C-alpha atoms as a PDB file:
ATOM      1  CA  MET A   1       0.000   0.000   0.000  1.00  0.00           C
ATOM      2  CA  LEU A   2       1.270   3.448  -0.871  1.00  0.00           C
ATOM      3  CA  ALA A   3       1.825   6.156   1.664  1.00  0.00           C
ATOM      4  CA  PRO A   4      -0.296   9.301   1.449  1.00  0.00           C
ATOM      5  CA  ASN A   5       1.061  12.177  -0.631  1.00  0.00           C
ATOM      6  CA  SER A   6       2.183  14.115   2.410  1.00  0.00           C
ATOM      7  CA  ALA A   7       4.456  11.284   3.519  1.00  0.00           C
ATOM      8  CA  ARG A   8       6.252  10.929   0.166  1.00  0.00           C
ATOM      9  CA  SER A   9       9.478  12.788  -0.254  1.00  0.00           C
ATOM     10  CA  PRO A  10       9.149  15.213  -3.152  1.00  0.00           C
ATOM     11  CA  ILE A  11      11.700  14.973  -5.942  1.00  0.00           C
ATOM     12  CA  PRO A  12      13.728  18.186  -5.929  1.00  0.00           C
ATOM     13  CA  LYS A  13      13.284  20.042  -9.190  1.00  0.00           C
ATOM     14  CA  LYS A  14      16.032  22.095 -10.762  1.00  0.00           C
ATOM     15  CA  PRO A  15      15.019  25.666 -11.422  1.00  0.00           C
ATOM     16  CA  MET A  16      14.856  26.613 -15.081  1.00  0.00           C
ATOM     17  CA  PRO A  17      17.749  28.785 -16.241  1.00  0.00           C
ATOM     18  CA  PRO A  18      16.883  32.367 -17.136  1.00  0.00           C
ATOM     19  CA  VAL A  19      15.507  33.060 -20.600  1.00  0.00           C
ATOM     20  CA  GLN A  20      18.715  34.828 -21.666  1.00  0.00           C
ATOM     21  CA  THR A  21      20.793  31.764 -20.796  1.00  0.00           C
ATOM     22  CA  ARG A  22      18.490  29.495 -22.801  1.00  0.00           C
ATOM     23  CA  ARG A  23      18.676  31.879 -25.776  1.00  0.00           C
ATOM     24  CA  ARG A  24      22.474  31.968 -25.573  1.00  0.00           C
ATOM     25  CA  ARG A  25      22.613  28.179 -25.499  1.00  0.00           C
ATOM     26  CA  ALA A  26      20.250  27.951 -28.469  1.00  0.00           C
ATOM     27  CA  ALA A  27      22.287  30.516 -30.421  1.00  0.00           C
ATOM     28  CA  ARG A  28      25.544  28.734 -29.594  1.00  0.00           C
ATOM     29  CA  SER A  29      24.068  25.393 -30.668  1.00  0.00           C
ATOM     30  CA  ALA A  30      22.787  26.884 -33.926  1.00  0.00           C
ATOM     31  CA  LEU A  31      26.214  28.410 -34.606  1.00  0.00           C
ATOM     32  CA  VAL A  32      28.017  25.122 -33.978  1.00  0.00           C
ATOM     33  CA  LEU A  33      25.578  23.187 -36.166  1.00  0.00           C
ATOM     34  CA  GLY A  34      25.863  25.800 -38.924  1.00  0.00           C
ATOM     35  CA  LEU A  35      29.656  25.688 -38.886  1.00  0.00           C
ATOM     36  CA  LEU A  36      29.625  21.910 -38.864  1.00  0.00           C
ATOM     37  CA  ALA A  37      27.202  21.785 -41.805  1.00  0.00           C
ATOM     38  CA  GLY A  38      29.263  24.348 -43.740  1.00  0.00           C
ATOM     39  CA  TRP A  39      32.436  22.387 -43.143  1.00  0.00           C
ATOM     40  CA  THR A  40      30.843  19.052 -44.005  1.00  0.00           C
ATOM     41  CA  PHE A  41      28.908  20.160 -47.092  1.00  0.00           C
ATOM     42  CA  PRO A  42      30.921  22.709 -49.073  1.00  0.00           C
ATOM     43  CA  ALA A  43      28.974  25.162 -51.228  1.00  0.00           C
ATOM     44  CA  THR A  44      30.780  24.198 -54.428  1.00  0.00           C
ATOM     45  CA  ALA A  45      31.232  20.727 -55.792  1.00  0.00           C
ATOM     46  CA  PRO A  46      34.795  19.692 -56.585  1.00  0.00           C
ATOM     47  CA  ALA A  47      35.614  20.179 -60.248  1.00  0.00           C
ATOM     48  CA  ALA A  48      36.298  17.128 -62.366  1.00  0.00           C
ATOM     49  CA  PRO A  49      39.654  17.225 -64.154  1.00  0.00           C
ATOM     50  CA  ARG A  50      39.370  17.802 -67.886  1.00  0.00           C
ATOM     51  CA  LEU A  51      41.876  17.675 -70.712  1.00  0.00           C
ATOM     52  CA  HIS A  52      41.639  20.448 -73.328  1.00  0.00           C
ATOM     53  CA  CYS A  53      43.507  19.962 -76.609  1.00  0.00           C
ATOM     54  CA  GLN A  54      43.799  22.070 -79.726  1.00  0.00           C
ATOM     55  CA  VAL A  55      44.689  19.990 -82.766  1.00  0.00           C
ATOM     56  CA  GLU A  56      45.770  21.572 -86.059  1.00  0.00           C
ATOM     57  CA  GLN A  57      45.909  19.233 -88.997  1.00  0.00           C
ATOM     58  CA  GLY A  58      45.622  19.837 -92.726  1.00  0.00           C
ATOM     59  CA  GLY A  59      44.847  23.531 -92.312  1.00  0.00           C
ATOM     60  CA  THR A  60      41.928  22.971 -89.903  1.00  0.00           C
ATOM     61  CA  SER A  61      41.946  23.523 -86.177  1.00  0.00           C
ATOM     62  CA  GLN A  62      39.900  21.543 -83.686  1.00  0.00           C
ATOM     63  CA  SER A  63      39.415  22.119 -79.986  1.00  0.00           C
ATOM     64  CA  LEU A  64      38.783  18.851 -78.113  1.00  0.00           C
ATOM     65  CA  GLU A  65      37.815  18.246 -74.497  1.00  0.00           C
ATOM     66  CA  PHE A  66      38.141  14.936 -72.645  1.00  0.00           C
ATOM     67  CA  ALA A  67      36.728  13.874 -69.277  1.00  0.00           C
ATOM     68  CA  PRO A  68      38.057  11.020 -67.149  1.00  0.00           C
ATOM     69  CA  VAL A  69      36.340   7.643 -67.324  1.00  0.00           C
ATOM     70  CA  ALA A  70      36.206   4.845 -64.775  1.00  0.00           C
ATOM     71  CA  ASP A  71      38.389   1.794 -65.302  1.00  0.00           C
ATOM     72  CA  CYS A  72      36.363  -1.387 -65.607  1.00  0.00           C
END
């Protein structure tokens, strides 16, 4: 059988931090997450290497461009 409410020991509750402290924590967390996301996902994709060639043969000039291919 349970004891009446008056006989139970209340669980001490921590007081809430002031609003300014909570805002500072939220701002700091947002800053850290933003920096982490910016470092992890750069704004520009890495450029693929390309080979540019200008070939002159028989009085005509051609400009050719080659991209790398995967070895199979």
